[in-house]
C-alpha atoms as a PDB file:
ATOM      1  CA  MET A   1       0.000   0.000   0.000  1.00  0.00           C
ATOM      2  CA  ILE A   2       2.898   2.361   0.613  1.00  0.00           C
ATOM      3  CA  LEU A   3       3.885   2.188  -3.053  1.00  0.00           C
ATOM      4  CA  LEU A   4       0.331   3.048  -4.051  1.00  0.00           C
ATOM      5  CA  ALA A   5       0.398   5.967  -1.604  1.00  0.00           C
ATOM      6  CA  ILE A   6       3.585   7.281  -3.217  1.00  0.00           C
ATOM      7  CA  LEU A   7       2.612   6.822  -6.853  1.00  0.00           C
ATOM      8  CA  CYS A   8      -1.107   7.564  -6.792  1.00  0.00           C
ATOM      9  CA  PRO A   9      -2.329   9.215  -3.570  1.00  0.00           C
ATOM     10  CA  PRO A  10      -5.942   9.724  -4.743  1.00  0.00           C
ATOM     11  CA  LEU A  11      -6.365   6.014  -5.499  1.00  0.00           C
ATOM     12  CA  TYR A  12      -4.830   5.121  -2.131  1.00  0.00           C
ATOM     13  CA  PHE A  13      -7.324   7.340  -0.311  1.00  0.00           C
ATOM     14  CA  PHE A  14     -10.267   5.908  -2.262  1.00  0.00           C
ATOM     15  CA  LEU A  15      -9.180   2.327  -1.525  1.00  0.00           C
ATOM     16  CA  SER A  16      -8.677   3.032   2.174  1.00  0.00           C
ATOM     17  CA  GLY A  17     -12.165   4.541   2.500  1.00  0.00           C
ATOM     18  CA  LYS A  18     -11.207   8.198   2.798  1.00  0.00           C
ATOM     19  CA  THR A  19     -13.540   9.535   0.090  1.00  0.00           C
ATOM     20  CA  THR A  20     -13.123  13.228   0.883  1.00  0.00           C
ATOM     21  CA  MET A  21      -9.334  13.016   0.749  1.00  0.00           C
ATOM     22  CA  GLY A  22      -9.647  10.936  -2.413  1.00  0.00           C
ATOM     23  CA  ILE A  23     -11.715  13.627  -4.107  1.00  0.00           C
ATOM     24  CA  LEU A  24      -9.329  16.367  -2.969  1.00  0.00           C
ATOM     25  CA  GLY A  25      -6.396  14.257  -4.127  1.00  0.00           C
ATOM     26  CA  ALA A  26      -8.010  13.663  -7.518  1.00  0.00           C
ATOM     27  CA  LEU A  27      -8.633  17.388  -7.956  1.00  0.00           C
ATOM     28  CA  SER A  28      -5.054  18.019  -6.923  1.00  0.00           C
ATOM     29  CA  ALA A  29      -3.821  15.446  -9.444  1.00  0.00           C
ATOM     30  CA  ILE A  30      -5.834  17.064 -12.240  1.00  0.00           C
ATOM     31  CA  LEU A  31      -4.465  20.471 -11.293  1.00  0.00           C
ATOM     32  CA  SER A  32      -0.944  19.029 -11.160  1.00  0.00           C
ATOM     33  CA  ILE A  33      -1.328  17.604 -14.660  1.00  0.00           C
ATOM     34  CA  PHE A  34      -2.438  20.991 -15.979  1.00  0.00           C
ATOM     35  CA  LEU A  35       0.449  22.675 -14.197  1.00  0.00           C
ATOM     36  CA  LEU A  36       2.873  20.127 -15.684  1.00  0.00           C
ATOM     37  CA  MET A  37       1.699  21.114 -19.169  1.00  0.00           C
ATOM     38  CA  THR A  38       3.171  24.545 -18.614  1.00  0.00           C
ATOM     39  CA  VAL A  39       6.905  24.191 -18.310  1.00  0.00           C
ATOM     40  CA  VAL A  40       7.209  27.192 -16.007  1.00  0.00           C
ATOM     41  CA  LEU A  41       4.906  25.756 -13.321  1.00  0.00           C
ATOM     42  CA  ILE A  42       6.453  22.269 -13.065  1.00  0.00           C
ATOM     43  CA  PRO A  43       7.811  22.972  -9.540  1.00  0.00           C
ATOM     44  CA  ALA A  44       4.319  23.966  -8.380  1.00  0.00           C
ATOM     45  CA  ALA A  45       2.895  20.745  -9.844  1.00  0.00           C
ATOM     46  CA  LEU A  46       5.522  18.646  -8.086  1.00  0.00           C
ATOM     47  CA  LEU A  47       4.904  20.493  -4.831  1.00  0.00           C
ATOM     48  CA  LEU A  48       1.167  19.922  -5.085  1.00  0.00           C
ATOM     49  CA  TRP A  49       1.648  16.221  -5.867  1.00  0.00           C
ATOM     50  CA  GLY A  50       4.186  15.948  -3.048  1.00  0.00           C
ATOM     51  CA  ILE A  51       1.811  17.410  -0.479  1.00  0.00           C
ATOM     52  CA  PHE A  52      -0.825  14.780  -1.155  1.00  0.00           C
ATOM     53  CA  GLY A  53       1.820  12.082  -1.446  1.00  0.00           C
ATOM     54  CA  ILE A  54       3.149  12.922   2.006  1.00  0.00           C
ATOM     55  CA  ALA A  55      -0.392  12.955   3.418  1.00  0.00           C
ATOM     56  CA  ALA A  56      -1.060   9.514   1.937  1.00  0.00           C
ATOM     57  CA  ILE A  57       2.224   8.099   3.249  1.00  0.00           C
ATOM     58  CA  ARG A  58       1.567   9.454   6.749  1.00  0.00           C
ATOM     59  CA  HIS A  59      -1.935   7.975   6.717  1.00  0.00           C
ATOM     60  CA  CYS A  60      -0.587   4.603   5.582  1.00  0.00           C
ATOM     61  CA  LYS A  61       2.102   4.554   8.270  1.00  0.00           C
ATOM     62  CA  ARG A  62      -0.409   5.604  10.936  1.00  0.00           C
ATOM     63  CA  GLU A  63      -2.749   2.753   9.972  1.00  0.00           C
ATOM     64  CA  GLU A  64       0.122   0.248  10.055  1.00  0.00           C
ATOM     65  CA  ALA A  65       1.217   1.469  13.490  1.00  0.00           C
ATOM     66  CA  GLU A  66      -2.344   1.353  14.824  1.00  0.00           C
ATOM     67  CA  GLU A  67      -2.781  -2.184  13.530  1.00  0.00           C
ATOM     68  CA  LEU A  68       0.501  -3.264  15.130  1.00  0.00           C
ATOM     69  CA  LEU A  69      -0.387  -1.663  18.481  1.00  0.00           C
ATOM     70  CA  THR A  70      -3.848  -3.257  18.448  1.00  0.00           C
ATOM     71  CA  LYS A  71      -2.335  -6.682  17.791  1.00  0.00           C
ATOM     72  CA  HIS A  72       0.221  -6.172  20.553  1.00  0.00           C
ATOM     73  CA  ALA A  73      -2.459  -5.024  23.015  1.00  0.00           C
ATOM     74  CA  ARG A  74      -4.553  -8.097  22.172  1.00  0.00           C
ATOM     75  CA  ASP A  75      -1.566 -10.372  22.735  1.00  0.00           C
ATOM     76  CA  VAL A  76      -0.690  -8.754  26.071  1.00  0.00           C
ATOM     77  CA  GLY A  77      -4.338  -8.913  27.177  1.00  0.00           C
ATOM     78  CA  LEU A  78      -4.479 -12.597  26.301  1.00  0.00           C
ATOM     79  CA  GLN A  79      -1.286 -13.285  28.271  1.00  0.00           C
ATOM     80  CA  VAL A  80      -2.610 -11.411  31.298  1.00  0.00           C
ATOM     81  CA  ALA A  81      -5.936 -13.250  31.102  1.00  0.00           C
ATOM     82  CA  THR A  82      -4.227 -16.643  30.972  1.00  0.00           C
ATOM     83  CA  GLN A  83      -2.005 -15.734  33.930  1.00  0.00           C
ATOM     84  CA  VAL A  84      -5.014 -14.556  35.946  1.00  0.00           C
ATOM     85  CA  ASN A  85      -6.920 -17.750  35.116  1.00  0.00           C
ATOM     86  CA  ALA A  86      -3.899 -19.856  36.057  1.00  0.00           C
ATOM     87  CA  ALA A  87      -3.546 -17.959  39.357  1.00  0.00           C
ATOM     88  CA  ARG A  88      -7.247 -18.467  40.139  1.00  0.00           C
ATOM     89  CA  GLN A  89      -7.008 -22.166  39.424  1.00  0.00           C
ATOM     90  CA  THR A  90      -3.963 -22.628  41.635  1.00  0.00           C
ATOM     91  CA  SER A  91      -5.509 -20.617  44.485  1.00  0.00           C
ATOM     92  CA  GLY A  92      -8.773 -22.539  44.102  1.00  0.00           C
ATOM     93  CA  ASP A  93      -6.929 -25.872  44.332  1.00  0.00           C
ATOM     94  CA  LYS A  94      -5.516 -25.035  47.799  1.00  0.00           C
END
């Protein structure tokens, strides 16, 4: 997904369910293409594309980090629950 976020930010936003950002990114891409047609405004086109590219990359990284933290929290919760159940069983046996 990170490659899609770099190469085509509007498509990344549409696929990840962020419709508003996808529409803004698509409008930005259209404007960037028009700016690229004029040789003088190529830096502005690259800047505009870069802004949405950075936003897409940050969103992708944030989702990956959130997914990793959720998985870790689930694993830690499961370990704690098994330890508590084991402690209850040993104290109930005495």
